[in-house]
PDB file of all heavy atoms in Angstrom:
ATOM      1  N   GLN A   1       0.782  -1.245   0.000  1.00  0.00           N
ATOM      2  CA  GLN A   1      -0.036  -0.030   0.063  1.00  0.00           C
ATOM      3  C   GLN A   1       0.914   1.234  -0.019  1.00  0.00           C
ATOM      4  O   GLN A   1       0.344   2.336  -0.397  1.00  0.00           O
ATOM      5  CB  GLN A   1      -0.946   0.006   1.133  1.00  0.00           C
ATOM      6  CG  GLN A   1      -2.175  -0.932   1.080  1.00  0.00           C
ATOM      7  CD  GLN A   1      -2.982  -0.653  -0.212  1.00  0.00           C
ATOM      8  OE1 GLN A   1      -3.055  -1.443  -1.085  1.00  0.00           O
ATOM      9  NE2 GLN A   1      -3.694   0.557  -0.148  1.00  0.00           N
ATOM     10  N   ARG A   2       2.117   1.176   0.338  1.00  0.00           N
ATOM     11  CA  ARG A   2       3.007   2.247   0.431  1.00  0.00           C
ATOM     12  C   ARG A   2       3.989   2.188  -0.812  1.00  0.00           C
ATOM     13  O   ARG A   2       4.867   2.955  -0.860  1.00  0.00           O
ATOM     14  CB  ARG A   2       3.741   2.284   1.635  1.00  0.00           C
ATOM     15  CG  ARG A   2       2.959   2.505   2.908  1.00  0.00           C
ATOM     16  CD  ARG A   2       2.662   4.101   2.999  1.00  0.00           C
ATOM     17  NE  ARG A   2       1.832   4.321   4.288  1.00  0.00           N
ATOM     18  CZ  ARG A   2       2.322   4.622   5.421  1.00  0.00           C
ATOM     19  NH1 ARG A   2       3.620   4.597   5.634  1.00  0.00           N
ATOM     20  NH2 ARG A   2       1.531   4.756   6.509  1.00  0.00           N
ATOM     21  N   ALA A   3       3.871   1.293  -1.646  1.00  0.00           N
ATOM     22  CA  ALA A   3       4.923   1.065  -2.762  1.00  0.00           C
ATOM     23  C   ALA A   3       4.661   2.288  -3.850  1.00  0.00           C
ATOM     24  O   ALA A   3       3.695   2.924  -3.924  1.00  0.00           O
ATOM     25  CB  ALA A   3       4.509  -0.247  -3.529  1.00  0.00           C
ATOM     26  N   TRP A   4       5.662   2.356  -4.617  1.00  0.00           N
ATOM     27  CA  TRP A   4       5.753   3.481  -5.586  1.00  0.00           C
ATOM     28  C   TRP A   4       4.731   3.496  -6.449  1.00  0.00           C
ATOM     29  O   TRP A   4       4.207   4.538  -6.947  1.00  0.00           O
ATOM     30  CB  TRP A   4       7.168   3.361  -6.299  1.00  0.00           C
ATOM     31  CG  TRP A   4       7.221   2.134  -7.188  1.00  0.00           C
ATOM     32  CD1 TRP A   4       7.736   0.972  -7.027  1.00  0.00           C
ATOM     33  CD2 TRP A   4       6.674   2.125  -8.555  1.00  0.00           C
ATOM     34  NE1 TRP A   4       7.504   0.047  -8.083  1.00  0.00           N
ATOM     35  CE2 TRP A   4       7.038   0.865  -9.071  1.00  0.00           C
ATOM     36  CE3 TRP A   4       6.201   2.966  -9.476  1.00  0.00           C
ATOM     37  CZ2 TRP A   4       6.656   0.376 -10.432  1.00  0.00           C
ATOM     38  CZ3 TRP A   4       5.676   2.569 -10.868  1.00  0.00           C
ATOM     39  CH2 TRP A   4       6.128   1.294 -11.273  1.00  0.00           C
ATOM     40  N   TYR A   5       4.183   2.334  -6.914  1.00  0.00           N
ATOM     41  CA  TYR A   5       3.122   2.322  -7.950  1.00  0.00           C
ATOM     42  C   TYR A   5       1.786   2.808  -7.409  1.00  0.00           C
ATOM     43  O   TYR A   5       0.876   3.161  -8.135  1.00  0.00           O
ATOM     44  CB  TYR A   5       2.916   0.922  -8.493  1.00  0.00           C
ATOM     45  CG  TYR A   5       2.887  -0.274  -7.474  1.00  0.00           C
ATOM     46  CD1 TYR A   5       1.677  -0.587  -6.791  1.00  0.00           C
ATOM     47  CD2 TYR A   5       4.016  -0.961  -7.299  1.00  0.00           C
ATOM     48  CE1 TYR A   5       1.643  -1.626  -5.979  1.00  0.00           C
ATOM     49  CE2 TYR A   5       3.886  -2.126  -6.303  1.00  0.00           C
ATOM     50  CZ  TYR A   5       2.678  -2.322  -5.756  1.00  0.00           C
ATOM     51  OH  TYR A   5       2.689  -3.424  -4.801  1.00  0.00           O
ATOM     52  N   MET A   6       1.607   2.759  -6.109  1.00  0.00           N
ATOM     53  CA  MET A   6       0.393   3.338  -5.451  1.00  0.00           C
ATOM     54  C   MET A   6       0.428   4.963  -5.552  1.00  0.00           C
ATOM     55  O   MET A   6      -0.526   5.540  -5.950  1.00  0.00           O
ATOM     56  CB  MET A   6       0.164   2.978  -4.040  1.00  0.00           C
ATOM     57  CG  MET A   6      -0.001   1.566  -3.869  1.00  0.00           C
ATOM     58  SD  MET A   6      -1.544   0.883  -4.530  1.00  0.00           S
ATOM     59  CE  MET A   6      -2.611   1.755  -3.565  1.00  0.00           C
ATOM     60  N   HIS A   7       1.577   5.424  -5.395  1.00  0.00           N
ATOM     61  CA  HIS A   7       1.773   6.958  -5.535  1.00  0.00           C
ATOM     62  C   HIS A   7       1.585   7.317  -7.076  1.00  0.00           C
ATOM     63  O   HIS A   7       1.113   8.298  -7.375  1.00  0.00           O
ATOM     64  CB  HIS A   7       3.061   7.330  -4.926  1.00  0.00           C
ATOM     65  CG  HIS A   7       3.339   6.974  -3.484  1.00  0.00           C
ATOM     66  ND1 HIS A   7       2.682   7.694  -2.536  1.00  0.00           N
ATOM     67  CD2 HIS A   7       4.107   6.033  -2.953  1.00  0.00           C
ATOM     68  CE1 HIS A   7       2.975   7.068  -1.344  1.00  0.00           C
ATOM     69  NE2 HIS A   7       3.778   6.112  -1.580  1.00  0.00           N
ATOM     70  N   ALA A   8       2.303   6.565  -7.940  1.00  0.00           N
ATOM     71  CA  ALA A   8       2.188   6.806  -9.361  1.00  0.00           C
ATOM     72  C   ALA A   8       0.725   6.766  -9.757  1.00  0.00           C
ATOM     73  O   ALA A   8       0.362   7.529 -10.622  1.00  0.00           O
ATOM     74  CB  ALA A   8       3.000   5.862 -10.067  1.00  0.00           C
ATOM     75  N   GLY A   9       0.053   5.690  -9.309  1.00  0.00           N
ATOM     76  CA  GLY A   9      -1.411   5.557  -9.743  1.00  0.00           C
ATOM     77  C   GLY A   9      -2.241   6.790  -9.282  1.00  0.00           C
ATOM     78  O   GLY A   9      -3.224   7.210  -9.981  1.00  0.00           O
ATOM     79  N   ASN A  10      -1.831   7.274  -8.088  1.00  0.00           N
ATOM     80  CA  ASN A  10      -2.638   8.447  -7.594  1.00  0.00           C
ATOM     81  C   ASN A  10      -2.447   9.683  -8.380  1.00  0.00           C
ATOM     82  O   ASN A  10      -3.343  10.379  -8.811  1.00  0.00           O
ATOM     83  CB  ASN A  10      -2.108   8.720  -6.140  1.00  0.00           C
ATOM     84  CG  ASN A  10      -2.725   9.955  -5.576  1.00  0.00           C
ATOM     85  OD1 ASN A  10      -3.930  10.191  -5.653  1.00  0.00           O
ATOM     86  ND2 ASN A  10      -1.922  10.730  -4.876  1.00  0.00           N
ATOM     87  N   VAL A  11      -1.190   9.789  -8.945  1.00  0.00           N
ATOM     88  CA  VAL A  11      -0.742  10.999  -9.721  1.00  0.00           C
ATOM     89  C   VAL A  11      -1.453  10.895 -11.070  1.00  0.00           C
ATOM     90  O   VAL A  11      -2.106  11.820 -11.633  1.00  0.00           O
ATOM     91  CB  VAL A  11       0.688  11.030  -9.857  1.00  0.00           C
ATOM     92  CG1 VAL A  11       1.068  12.180 -10.853  1.00  0.00           C
ATOM     93  CG2 VAL A  11       1.397  11.560  -8.556  1.00  0.00           C
ATOM     94  N   VAL A  12      -1.393   9.700 -11.702  1.00  0.00           N
ATOM     95  CA  VAL A  12      -1.949   9.478 -12.981  1.00  0.00           C
ATOM     96  C   VAL A  12      -3.472   9.674 -12.913  1.00  0.00           C
ATOM     97  O   VAL A  12      -4.093  10.357 -13.876  1.00  0.00           O
ATOM     98  CB  VAL A  12      -1.588   8.034 -13.564  1.00  0.00           C
ATOM     99  CG1 VAL A  12      -2.404   7.763 -14.715  1.00  0.00           C
ATOM    100  CG2 VAL A  12      -0.058   7.961 -13.846  1.00  0.00           C
ATOM    101  N   LEU A  13      -4.142   9.065 -11.904  1.00  0.00           N
ATOM    102  CA  LEU A  13      -5.651   9.310 -11.821  1.00  0.00           C
ATOM    103  C   LEU A  13      -6.078  10.809 -11.686  1.00  0.00           C
ATOM    104  O   LEU A  13      -6.892  11.218 -12.440  1.00  0.00           O
ATOM    105  CB  LEU A  13      -6.156   8.601 -10.523  1.00  0.00           C
ATOM    106  CG  LEU A  13      -7.549   8.684 -10.210  1.00  0.00           C
ATOM    107  CD1 LEU A  13      -8.456   8.124 -11.291  1.00  0.00           C
ATOM    108  CD2 LEU A  13      -8.018   8.111  -8.843  1.00  0.00           C
ATOM    109  N   ASN A  14      -5.252  11.546 -10.965  1.00  0.00           N
ATOM    110  CA  ASN A  14      -5.654  12.924 -10.817  1.00  0.00           C
ATOM    111  C   ASN A  14      -5.209  13.815 -12.045  1.00  0.00           C
ATOM    112  O   ASN A  14      -5.832  14.780 -12.247  1.00  0.00           O
ATOM    113  CB  ASN A  14      -5.062  13.536  -9.438  1.00  0.00           C
ATOM    114  CG  ASN A  14      -5.919  13.011  -8.198  1.00  0.00           C
ATOM    115  OD1 ASN A  14      -7.044  13.393  -8.100  1.00  0.00           O
ATOM    116  ND2 ASN A  14      -5.284  11.972  -7.496  1.00  0.00           N
ATOM    117  N   LEU A  15      -4.186  13.314 -12.742  1.00  0.00           N
ATOM    118  CA  LEU A  15      -3.787  13.997 -14.018  1.00  0.00           C
ATOM    119  C   LEU A  15      -4.978  13.799 -14.941  1.00  0.00           C
ATOM    120  O   LEU A  15      -5.406  14.748 -15.716  1.00  0.00           O
ATOM    121  CB  LEU A  15      -2.512  13.356 -14.546  1.00  0.00           C
ATOM    122  CG  LEU A  15      -1.980  13.937 -15.862  1.00  0.00           C
ATOM    123  CD1 LEU A  15      -1.861  15.430 -15.738  1.00  0.00           C
ATOM    124  CD2 LEU A  15      -0.841  13.212 -16.414  1.00  0.00           C
ATOM    125  N   GLY A  16      -5.551  12.648 -14.872  1.00  0.00           N
ATOM    126  CA  GLY A  16      -6.815  12.358 -15.734  1.00  0.00           C
ATOM    127  C   GLY A  16      -7.939  13.283 -15.454  1.00  0.00           C
ATOM    128  O   GLY A  16      -8.706  13.768 -16.305  1.00  0.00           O
ATOM    129  N   VAL A  17      -8.155  13.612 -14.172  1.00  0.00           N
ATOM    130  CA  VAL A  17      -9.182  14.469 -13.616  1.00  0.00           C
ATOM    131  C   VAL A  17      -8.909  15.893 -14.272  1.00  0.00           C
ATOM    132  O   VAL A  17      -9.841  16.531 -14.791  1.00  0.00           O
ATOM    133  CB  VAL A  17      -9.162  14.629 -12.179  1.00  0.00           C
ATOM    134  CG1 VAL A  17     -10.089  15.769 -11.615  1.00  0.00           C
ATOM    135  CG2 VAL A  17      -9.893  13.230 -11.542  1.00  0.00           C
ATOM    136  N   THR A  18      -7.582  16.320 -14.228  1.00  0.00           N
ATOM    137  CA  THR A  18      -7.360  17.722 -14.854  1.00  0.00           C
ATOM    138  C   THR A  18      -7.600  17.751 -16.263  1.00  0.00           C
ATOM    139  O   THR A  18      -8.156  18.707 -16.778  1.00  0.00           O
ATOM    140  CB  THR A  18      -5.749  17.858 -14.555  1.00  0.00           C
ATOM    141  OG1 THR A  18      -5.535  17.891 -13.060  1.00  0.00           O
ATOM    142  CG2 THR A  18      -5.459  19.235 -15.094  1.00  0.00           C
ATOM    143  N   LEU A  19      -7.218  16.653 -17.049  1.00  0.00           N
ATOM    144  CA  LEU A  19      -7.418  16.675 -18.455  1.00  0.00           C
ATOM    145  C   LEU A  19      -8.855  16.602 -18.789  1.00  0.00           C
ATOM    146  O   LEU A  19      -9.387  17.184 -19.764  1.00  0.00           O
ATOM    147  CB  LEU A  19      -6.785  15.443 -19.046  1.00  0.00           C
ATOM    148  CG  LEU A  19      -5.088  15.391 -18.922  1.00  0.00           C
ATOM    149  CD1 LEU A  19      -4.539  14.187 -19.593  1.00  0.00           C
ATOM    150  CD2 LEU A  19      -4.491  16.725 -19.785  1.00  0.00           C
ATOM    151  N   LEU A  20      -9.694  15.932 -17.870  1.00  0.00           N
ATOM    152  CA  LEU A  20     -11.134  15.836 -18.157  1.00  0.00           C
ATOM    153  C   LEU A  20     -11.819  17.214 -18.054  1.00  0.00           C
ATOM    154  O   LEU A  20     -12.560  17.568 -18.960  1.00  0.00           O
ATOM    155  CB  LEU A  20     -11.783  14.892 -17.091  1.00  0.00           C
ATOM    156  CG  LEU A  20     -13.256  14.671 -17.239  1.00  0.00           C
ATOM    157  CD1 LEU A  20     -13.700  14.163 -18.602  1.00  0.00           C
ATOM    158  CD2 LEU A  20     -13.804  13.796 -16.083  1.00  0.00           C
ATOM    159  N   PHE A  21     -11.341  17.984 -17.049  1.00  0.00           N
ATOM    160  CA  PHE A  21     -11.897  19.283 -16.966  1.00  0.00           C
ATOM    161  C   PHE A  21     -11.343  20.197 -18.169  1.00  0.00           C
ATOM    162  O   PHE A  21     -12.059  21.018 -18.632  1.00  0.00           O
ATOM    163  CB  PHE A  21     -11.409  19.931 -15.621  1.00  0.00           C
ATOM    164  CG  PHE A  21     -12.338  19.696 -14.509  1.00  0.00           C
ATOM    165  CD1 PHE A  21     -11.957  18.676 -13.561  1.00  0.00           C
ATOM    166  CD2 PHE A  21     -13.563  20.371 -14.243  1.00  0.00           C
ATOM    167  CE1 PHE A  21     -12.886  18.302 -12.459  1.00  0.00           C
ATOM    168  CE2 PHE A  21     -14.370  20.040 -13.165  1.00  0.00           C
ATOM    169  CZ  PHE A  21     -14.042  19.050 -12.312  1.00  0.00           C
ATOM    170  N   GLY A  22     -10.081  19.851 -18.517  1.00  0.00           N
ATOM    171  CA  GLY A  22      -9.585  20.699 -19.619  1.00  0.00           C
ATOM    172  C   GLY A  22     -10.227  20.455 -20.880  1.00  0.00           C
ATOM    173  O   GLY A  22     -10.295  21.363 -21.769  1.00  0.00           O
ATOM    174  N   ALA A  23     -10.751  19.184 -21.037  1.00  0.00           N
ATOM    175  CA  ALA A  23     -11.599  18.945 -22.306  1.00  0.00           C
ATOM    176  C   ALA A  23     -12.879  19.845 -22.371  1.00  0.00           C
ATOM    177  O   ALA A  23     -13.368  20.069 -23.479  1.00  0.00           O
ATOM    178  CB  ALA A  23     -12.044  17.464 -22.240  1.00  0.00           C
ATOM    179  N   PHE A  24     -13.267  20.381 -21.263  1.00  0.00           N
ATOM    180  CA  PHE A  24     -14.415  21.300 -21.238  1.00  0.00           C
ATOM    181  C   PHE A  24     -13.919  22.878 -21.111  1.00  0.00           C
ATOM    182  O   PHE A  24     -14.738  23.614 -20.801  1.00  0.00           O
ATOM    183  CB  PHE A  24     -15.341  20.978 -20.129  1.00  0.00           C
ATOM    184  CG  PHE A  24     -16.077  19.630 -20.275  1.00  0.00           C
ATOM    185  CD1 PHE A  24     -15.617  18.491 -19.687  1.00  0.00           C
ATOM    186  CD2 PHE A  24     -17.311  19.644 -20.910  1.00  0.00           C
ATOM    187  CE1 PHE A  24     -16.232  17.360 -19.841  1.00  0.00           C
ATOM    188  CE2 PHE A  24     -17.856  18.364 -21.019  1.00  0.00           C
ATOM    189  CZ  PHE A  24     -17.477  17.252 -20.493  1.00  0.00           C
ATOM    190  N   HIS A  25     -12.583  22.938 -21.289  1.00  0.00           N
ATOM    191  CA  HIS A  25     -11.989  24.307 -21.173  1.00  0.00           C
ATOM    192  C   HIS A  25     -12.124  25.052 -19.829  1.00  0.00           C
ATOM    193  O   HIS A  25     -12.164  26.108 -19.717  1.00  0.00           O
ATOM    194  CB  HIS A  25     -12.579  25.234 -22.287  1.00  0.00           C
ATOM    195  CG  HIS A  25     -12.588  24.604 -23.657  1.00  0.00           C
ATOM    196  ND1 HIS A  25     -11.316  24.432 -24.392  1.00  0.00           N
ATOM    197  CD2 HIS A  25     -13.553  24.172 -24.497  1.00  0.00           C
ATOM    198  CE1 HIS A  25     -11.587  23.917 -25.453  1.00  0.00           C
ATOM    199  NE2 HIS A  25     -12.878  23.670 -25.658  1.00  0.00           N
ATOM    200  N   HIS A  26     -12.112  24.131 -18.784  1.00  0.00           N
ATOM    201  CA  HIS A  26     -12.123  24.506 -17.271  1.00  0.00           C
ATOM    202  C   HIS A  26     -10.776  24.127 -16.746  1.00  0.00           C
ATOM    203  O   HIS A  26     -10.702  23.396 -15.874  1.00  0.00           O
ATOM    204  CB  HIS A  26     -13.293  23.951 -16.677  1.00  0.00           C
ATOM    205  CG  HIS A  26     -14.663  24.650 -16.811  1.00  0.00           C
ATOM    206  ND1 HIS A  26     -15.470  25.041 -15.921  1.00  0.00           N
ATOM    207  CD2 HIS A  26     -15.214  24.906 -18.178  1.00  0.00           C
ATOM    208  CE1 HIS A  26     -16.480  25.642 -16.507  1.00  0.00           C
ATOM    209  NE2 HIS A  26     -16.473  25.420 -17.776  1.00  0.00           N
ATOM    210  N   TRP A  27      -9.819  24.664 -17.229  1.00  0.00           N
ATOM    211  CA  TRP A  27      -8.374  24.263 -16.852  1.00  0.00           C
ATOM    212  C   TRP A  27      -8.120  24.720 -15.398  1.00  0.00           C
ATOM    213  O   TRP A  27      -7.397  23.913 -14.591  1.00  0.00           O
ATOM    214  CB  TRP A  27      -7.306  24.854 -17.688  1.00  0.00           C
ATOM    215  CG  TRP A  27      -7.154  24.115 -19.062  1.00  0.00           C
ATOM    216  CD1 TRP A  27      -7.737  24.474 -20.318  1.00  0.00           C
ATOM    217  CD2 TRP A  27      -6.627  22.864 -19.273  1.00  0.00           C
ATOM    218  NE1 TRP A  27      -7.501  23.620 -21.190  1.00  0.00           N
ATOM    219  CE2 TRP A  27      -6.737  22.636 -20.610  1.00  0.00           C
ATOM    220  CE3 TRP A  27      -6.058  21.947 -18.520  1.00  0.00           C
ATOM    221  CZ2 TRP A  27      -6.309  21.337 -21.299  1.00  0.00           C
ATOM    222  CZ3 TRP A  27      -5.561  20.771 -19.094  1.00  0.00           C
ATOM    223  CH2 TRP A  27      -5.836  20.481 -20.385  1.00  0.00           C
ATOM    224  N   ASN A  28      -8.561  25.873 -15.008  1.00  0.00           N
ATOM    225  CA  ASN A  28      -8.202  26.332 -13.609  1.00  0.00           C
ATOM    226  C   ASN A  28      -8.920  25.335 -12.679  1.00  0.00           C
ATOM    227  O   ASN A  28      -8.261  24.926 -11.668  1.00  0.00           O
ATOM    228  CB  ASN A  28      -8.850  27.706 -13.407  1.00  0.00           C
ATOM    229  CG  ASN A  28      -8.034  28.746 -14.177  1.00  0.00           C
ATOM    230  OD1 ASN A  28      -6.890  28.524 -14.423  1.00  0.00           O
ATOM    231  ND2 ASN A  28      -8.575  29.958 -14.444  1.00  0.00           N
ATOM    232  N   THR A  29     -10.283  25.026 -12.909  1.00  0.00           N
ATOM    233  CA  THR A  29     -10.867  24.008 -11.860  1.00  0.00           C
ATOM    234  C   THR A  29     -10.148  22.634 -12.003  1.00  0.00           C
ATOM    235  O   THR A  29     -10.041  22.066 -11.058  1.00  0.00           O
ATOM    236  CB  THR A  29     -12.248  23.815 -12.336  1.00  0.00           C
ATOM    237  OG1 THR A  29     -12.957  25.135 -12.312  1.00  0.00           O
ATOM    238  CG2 THR A  29     -12.966  22.974 -11.373  1.00  0.00           C
ATOM    239  N   GLY A  30      -9.751  22.322 -13.279  1.00  0.00           N
ATOM    240  CA  GLY A  30      -9.046  20.995 -13.481  1.00  0.00           C
ATOM    241  C   GLY A  30      -7.758  20.834 -12.654  1.00  0.00           C
ATOM    242  O   GLY A  30      -7.493  19.956 -11.979  1.00  0.00           O
ATOM    243  N   ILE A  31      -6.946  21.957 -12.811  1.00  0.00           N
ATOM    244  CA  ILE A  31      -5.656  21.956 -12.039  1.00  0.00           C
ATOM    245  C   ILE A  31      -5.993  21.909 -10.514  1.00  0.00           C
ATOM    246  O   ILE A  31      -5.291  21.092  -9.772  1.00  0.00           O
ATOM    247  CB  ILE A  31      -4.900  23.260 -12.490  1.00  0.00           C
ATOM    248  CG1 ILE A  31      -4.374  23.077 -13.864  1.00  0.00           C
ATOM    249  CG2 ILE A  31      -3.586  23.382 -11.512  1.00  0.00           C
ATOM    250  CD1 ILE A  31      -3.780  24.334 -14.481  1.00  0.00           C
ATOM    251  N   LEU A  32      -6.844  22.749 -10.067  1.00  0.00           N
ATOM    252  CA  LEU A  32      -7.196  22.708  -8.623  1.00  0.00           C
ATOM    253  C   LEU A  32      -7.648  21.347  -8.116  1.00  0.00           C
ATOM    254  O   LEU A  32      -7.201  20.843  -7.127  1.00  0.00           O
ATOM    255  CB  LEU A  32      -8.275  23.749  -8.247  1.00  0.00           C
ATOM    256  CG  LEU A  32      -7.770  25.323  -8.357  1.00  0.00           C
ATOM    257  CD1 LEU A  32      -8.873  26.177  -8.131  1.00  0.00           C
ATOM    258  CD2 LEU A  32      -6.683  25.473  -7.281  1.00  0.00           C
ATOM    259  N   SER A  33      -8.613  20.707  -9.009  1.00  0.00           N
ATOM    260  CA  SER A  33      -9.093  19.487  -8.630  1.00  0.00           C
ATOM    261  C   SER A  33      -8.053  18.379  -8.630  1.00  0.00           C
ATOM    262  O   SER A  33      -7.994  17.475  -7.869  1.00  0.00           O
ATOM    263  CB  SER A  33     -10.223  19.081  -9.664  1.00  0.00           C
ATOM    264  OG  SER A  33     -11.345  20.020  -9.444  1.00  0.00           O
ATOM    265  N   GLY A  34      -7.165  18.443  -9.672  1.00  0.00           N
ATOM    266  CA  GLY A  34      -6.086  17.488  -9.819  1.00  0.00           C
ATOM    267  C   GLY A  34      -5.070  17.495  -8.721  1.00  0.00           C
ATOM    268  O   GLY A  34      -4.691  16.369  -8.046  1.00  0.00           O
ATOM    269  N   VAL A  35      -4.625  18.733  -8.397  1.00  0.00           N
ATOM    270  CA  VAL A  35      -3.733  18.840  -7.393  1.00  0.00           C
ATOM    271  C   VAL A  35      -4.280  18.562  -5.901  1.00  0.00           C
ATOM    272  O   VAL A  35      -3.654  17.810  -5.258  1.00  0.00           O
ATOM    273  CB  VAL A  35      -3.166  20.298  -7.281  1.00  0.00           C
ATOM    274  CG1 VAL A  35      -2.205  20.545  -6.073  1.00  0.00           C
ATOM    275  CG2 VAL A  35      -2.332  20.662  -8.552  1.00  0.00           C
ATOM    276  N   GLY A  36      -5.376  18.958  -5.709  1.00  0.00           N
ATOM    277  CA  GLY A  36      -6.297  18.729  -4.531  1.00  0.00           C
ATOM    278  C   GLY A  36      -6.413  17.208  -4.255  1.00  0.00           C
ATOM    279  O   GLY A  36      -6.243  16.694  -3.274  1.00  0.00           O
ATOM    280  N   GLY A  37      -6.878  16.557  -5.428  1.00  0.00           N
ATOM    281  CA  GLY A  37      -7.113  15.159  -5.327  1.00  0.00           C
ATOM    282  C   GLY A  37      -5.891  14.413  -5.115  1.00  0.00           C
ATOM    283  O   GLY A  37      -5.824  13.425  -4.431  1.00  0.00           O
ATOM    284  N   ALA A  38      -4.763  14.781  -5.688  1.00  0.00           N
ATOM    285  CA  ALA A  38      -3.522  14.120  -5.472  1.00  0.00           C
ATOM    286  C   ALA A  38      -3.090  14.211  -4.062  1.00  0.00           C
ATOM    287  O   ALA A  38      -2.543  13.287  -3.482  1.00  0.00           O
ATOM    288  CB  ALA A  38      -2.330  14.678  -6.442  1.00  0.00           C
ATOM    289  N   VAL A  39      -3.270  15.351  -3.535  1.00  0.00           N
ATOM    290  CA  VAL A  39      -2.840  15.631  -2.022  1.00  0.00           C
ATOM    291  C   VAL A  39      -3.663  14.768  -1.100  1.00  0.00           C
ATOM    292  O   VAL A  39      -3.104  14.075  -0.122  1.00  0.00           O
ATOM    293  CB  VAL A  39      -2.970  17.016  -1.676  1.00  0.00           C
ATOM    294  CG1 VAL A  39      -2.862  17.219  -0.114  1.00  0.00           C
ATOM    295  CG2 VAL A  39      -1.959  17.900  -2.426  1.00  0.00           C
ATOM    296  N   ILE A  40      -5.001  14.666  -1.455  1.00  0.00           N
ATOM    297  CA  ILE A  40      -5.919  13.827  -0.661  1.00  0.00           C
ATOM    298  C   ILE A  40      -5.574  12.431  -0.807  1.00  0.00           C
ATOM    299  O   ILE A  40      -5.493  11.552   0.130  1.00  0.00           O
ATOM    300  CB  ILE A  40      -7.397  14.141  -1.000  1.00  0.00           C
ATOM    301  CG1 ILE A  40      -7.791  15.570  -0.640  1.00  0.00           C
ATOM    302  CG2 ILE A  40      -8.232  13.056  -0.365  1.00  0.00           C
ATOM    303  CD1 ILE A  40      -9.031  15.973  -1.050  1.00  0.00           C
ATOM    304  N   GLY A  41      -5.196  11.994  -2.074  1.00  0.00           N
ATOM    305  CA  GLY A  41      -4.827  10.566  -2.317  1.00  0.00           C
ATOM    306  C   GLY A  41      -3.634  10.164  -1.534  1.00  0.00           C
ATOM    307  O   GLY A  41      -3.509   9.031  -0.983  1.00  0.00           O
ATOM    308  N   GLU A  42      -2.549  11.078  -1.460  1.00  0.00           N
ATOM    309  CA  GLU A  42      -1.427  10.849  -0.602  1.00  0.00           C
ATOM    310  C   GLU A  42      -1.736  10.722   0.849  1.00  0.00           C
ATOM    311  O   GLU A  42      -1.210   9.835   1.614  1.00  0.00           O
ATOM    312  CB  GLU A  42      -0.353  11.851  -0.858  1.00  0.00           C
ATOM    313  CG  GLU A  42       0.291  11.905  -2.160  1.00  0.00           C
ATOM    314  CD  GLU A  42       0.950  10.526  -2.501  1.00  0.00           C
ATOM    315  OE1 GLU A  42       1.967  10.126  -1.663  1.00  0.00           O
ATOM    316  OE2 GLU A  42       0.592   9.715  -3.460  1.00  0.00           O
ATOM    317  N   ALA A  43      -2.678  11.625   1.309  1.00  0.00           N
ATOM    318  CA  ALA A  43      -3.100  11.601   2.726  1.00  0.00           C
ATOM    319  C   ALA A  43      -3.780  10.200   2.993  1.00  0.00           C
ATOM    320  O   ALA A  43      -3.555   9.604   4.044  1.00  0.00           O
ATOM    321  CB  ALA A  43      -4.019  12.705   2.907  1.00  0.00           C
ATOM    322  N   ILE A  44      -4.622   9.627   2.009  1.00  0.00           N
ATOM    323  CA  ILE A  44      -5.252   8.412   2.287  1.00  0.00           C
ATOM    324  C   ILE A  44      -4.178   7.320   2.409  1.00  0.00           C
ATOM    325  O   ILE A  44      -4.244   6.399   3.302  1.00  0.00           O
ATOM    326  CB  ILE A  44      -6.192   8.133   1.091  1.00  0.00           C
ATOM    327  CG1 ILE A  44      -7.365   9.161   1.258  1.00  0.00           C
ATOM    328  CG2 ILE A  44      -6.851   6.590   1.196  1.00  0.00           C
ATOM    329  CD1 ILE A  44      -8.348   8.972   0.032  1.00  0.00           C
ATOM    330  N   ILE A  45      -3.188   7.385   1.474  1.00  0.00           N
ATOM    331  CA  ILE A  45      -2.143   6.415   1.505  1.00  0.00           C
ATOM    332  C   ILE A  45      -1.370   6.421   2.718  1.00  0.00           C
ATOM    333  O   ILE A  45      -1.023   5.318   3.432  1.00  0.00           O
ATOM    334  CB  ILE A  45      -1.233   6.432   0.238  1.00  0.00           C
ATOM    335  CG1 ILE A  45      -1.955   6.177  -1.113  1.00  0.00           C
ATOM    336  CG2 ILE A  45      -0.058   5.649   0.435  1.00  0.00           C
ATOM    337  CD1 ILE A  45      -1.130   6.528  -2.235  1.00  0.00           C
ATOM    338  N   TYR A  46      -0.943   7.474   3.252  1.00  0.00           N
ATOM    339  CA  TYR A  46       0.020   7.609   4.307  1.00  0.00           C
ATOM    340  C   TYR A  46      -0.712   7.512   5.676  1.00  0.00           C
ATOM    341  O   TYR A  46      -0.068   7.345   6.639  1.00  0.00           O
ATOM    342  CB  TYR A  46       0.827   8.982   4.335  1.00  0.00           C
ATOM    343  CG  TYR A  46       2.006   8.799   3.356  1.00  0.00           C
ATOM    344  CD1 TYR A  46       2.033   9.474   2.129  1.00  0.00           C
ATOM    345  CD2 TYR A  46       3.041   8.078   3.732  1.00  0.00           C
ATOM    346  CE1 TYR A  46       3.157   9.402   1.381  1.00  0.00           C
ATOM    347  CE2 TYR A  46       4.152   7.918   2.861  1.00  0.00           C
ATOM    348  CZ  TYR A  46       4.240   8.559   1.724  1.00  0.00           C
ATOM    349  OH  TYR A  46       5.246   8.428   0.918  1.00  0.00           O
TER     350      TYR A  46
END
């Protein structure tokens, strides 16, 4: 649960969230959601 691939998966998942918002031209919301989601994901892991 603390392995590198868990952290990598968390980053990739939230990068996908950013790109999803970007597809609707809401990049600011996408970046905030992606960064916030990645931070929360790391908090869940740790």
